Amino acid sequence: MKRTQRPICQVRVEWGESNVYKHCVHVQFNVHEGTFLHEDLIKQHFATYGPVISVSLPRYDNHKLKGFAFVHYEDTPVGYS
């Protein structure tokens, strides 16, 4: 029996709603599944949707991930899909 390949980590993505956050994506993930995540990996993945300026991956004082990240995109006149 052949095994199907599953995604390494499921994420939930939401666009910022206000004009202040309109170029920011909020990414939520399960901290137990996403322990391998780091800023460069997130930036590389989300760069397929447009130019990424920065990635914020909040952590607790003990350096464990909080379970969410922010991806900030360049302000462009044309959207990406």
Protein backbone atom coordinates (compact mmCIF):
# COMPACT_ATOMS: atom_id res chain seq x y z
CA MET A 1 0.00 0.00 0.00
CA LYS A 2 1.41 3.37 -1.05
CA ARG A 3 1.38 6.18 1.51
CA THR A 4 0.29 9.63 0.42
CA GLN A 5 2.47 12.54 1.38
CA ARG A 6 0.88 14.95 3.88
CA PRO A 7 1.79 18.58 4.39
CA ILE A 8 4.41 19.05 7.10
CA CYS A 9 2.45 21.75 8.88
CA GLN A 10 -1.06 23.05 8.29
CA VAL A 11 -1.45 26.82 8.49
CA ARG A 12 -4.30 29.31 8.55
CA VAL A 13 -3.70 32.54 6.65
CA GLU A 14 -5.62 35.83 7.03
CA TRP A 15 -5.03 39.17 5.32
CA GLY A 16 -4.85 42.32 7.42
CA GLU A 17 -8.16 44.15 7.38
CA SER A 18 -7.32 47.81 7.87
CA ASN A 19 -5.30 50.16 5.68
CA VAL A 20 -2.48 49.97 8.23
CA TYR A 21 -2.20 46.18 7.89
CA LYS A 22 -3.39 45.72 4.29
CA HIS A 23 0.02 44.41 3.19
CA CYS A 24 0.40 42.03 6.12
CA VAL A 25 -0.58 38.38 6.32
CA HIS A 26 -1.26 36.71 9.67
CA VAL A 27 -0.24 33.04 9.66
CA GLN A 28 -1.40 30.69 12.42
CA PHE A 29 0.02 27.21 12.96
CA ASN A 30 0.09 24.47 15.56
CA VAL A 31 3.25 24.99 17.62
CA HIS A 32 3.70 21.22 18.01
CA GLU A 33 3.70 20.71 14.22
CA GLY A 34 5.65 23.87 13.38
CA THR A 35 8.65 23.56 15.68
CA PHE A 36 10.95 23.52 12.61
CA LEU A 37 9.69 26.86 11.25
CA HIS A 38 11.98 29.86 10.99
CA GLU A 39 11.78 33.27 9.34
CA ASP A 40 13.70 32.35 6.18
CA LEU A 41 11.54 29.30 5.50
CA ILE A 42 8.33 31.32 5.86
CA LYS A 43 9.70 34.13 3.69
CA GLN A 44 10.75 31.68 0.99
CA HIS A 45 7.31 30.05 0.90
CA PHE A 46 5.26 33.26 0.90
CA ALA A 47 7.54 35.01 -1.64
CA THR A 48 5.72 33.03 -4.34
CA TYR A 49 2.79 35.42 -3.75
CA GLY A 50 4.73 38.69 -3.99
CA PRO A 51 7.80 40.55 -2.71
CA VAL A 52 8.17 39.94 1.04
CA ILE A 53 9.70 42.78 3.04
CA SER A 54 9.92 41.02 6.40
CA VAL A 55 8.68 38.12 8.50
CA SER A 56 7.99 38.29 12.22
CA LEU A 57 7.88 34.97 14.09
CA PRO A 58 7.12 35.79 17.75
CA ARG A 59 8.62 33.59 20.45
CA TYR A 60 8.30 33.27 24.21
CA ASP A 61 11.22 34.10 26.51
CA ASN A 62 12.25 30.43 26.39
CA HIS A 63 12.53 30.73 22.55
CA LYS A 64 9.51 28.50 21.85
CA LEU A 65 7.23 29.65 19.04
CA LYS A 66 3.93 31.33 19.92
CA GLY A 67 2.04 29.71 17.03
CA PHE A 68 1.70 32.62 14.64
CA ALA A 69 3.72 34.77 12.27
CA PHE A 70 3.34 37.99 10.31
CA VAL A 71 4.43 38.29 6.69
CA HIS A 72 4.81 41.85 5.43
CA TYR A 73 4.57 42.43 1.68
CA GLU A 74 5.81 45.28 -0.46
CA ASP A 75 3.13 47.81 -1.41
CA THR A 76 2.34 47.01 -5.05
CA PRO A 77 -0.38 48.41 -7.31
CA VAL A 78 -1.20 44.94 -8.65
CA GLY A 79 -2.25 42.02 -6.47
CA TYR A 80 -0.80 38.54 -6.68
CA SER A 81 -2.73 35.29 -6.69
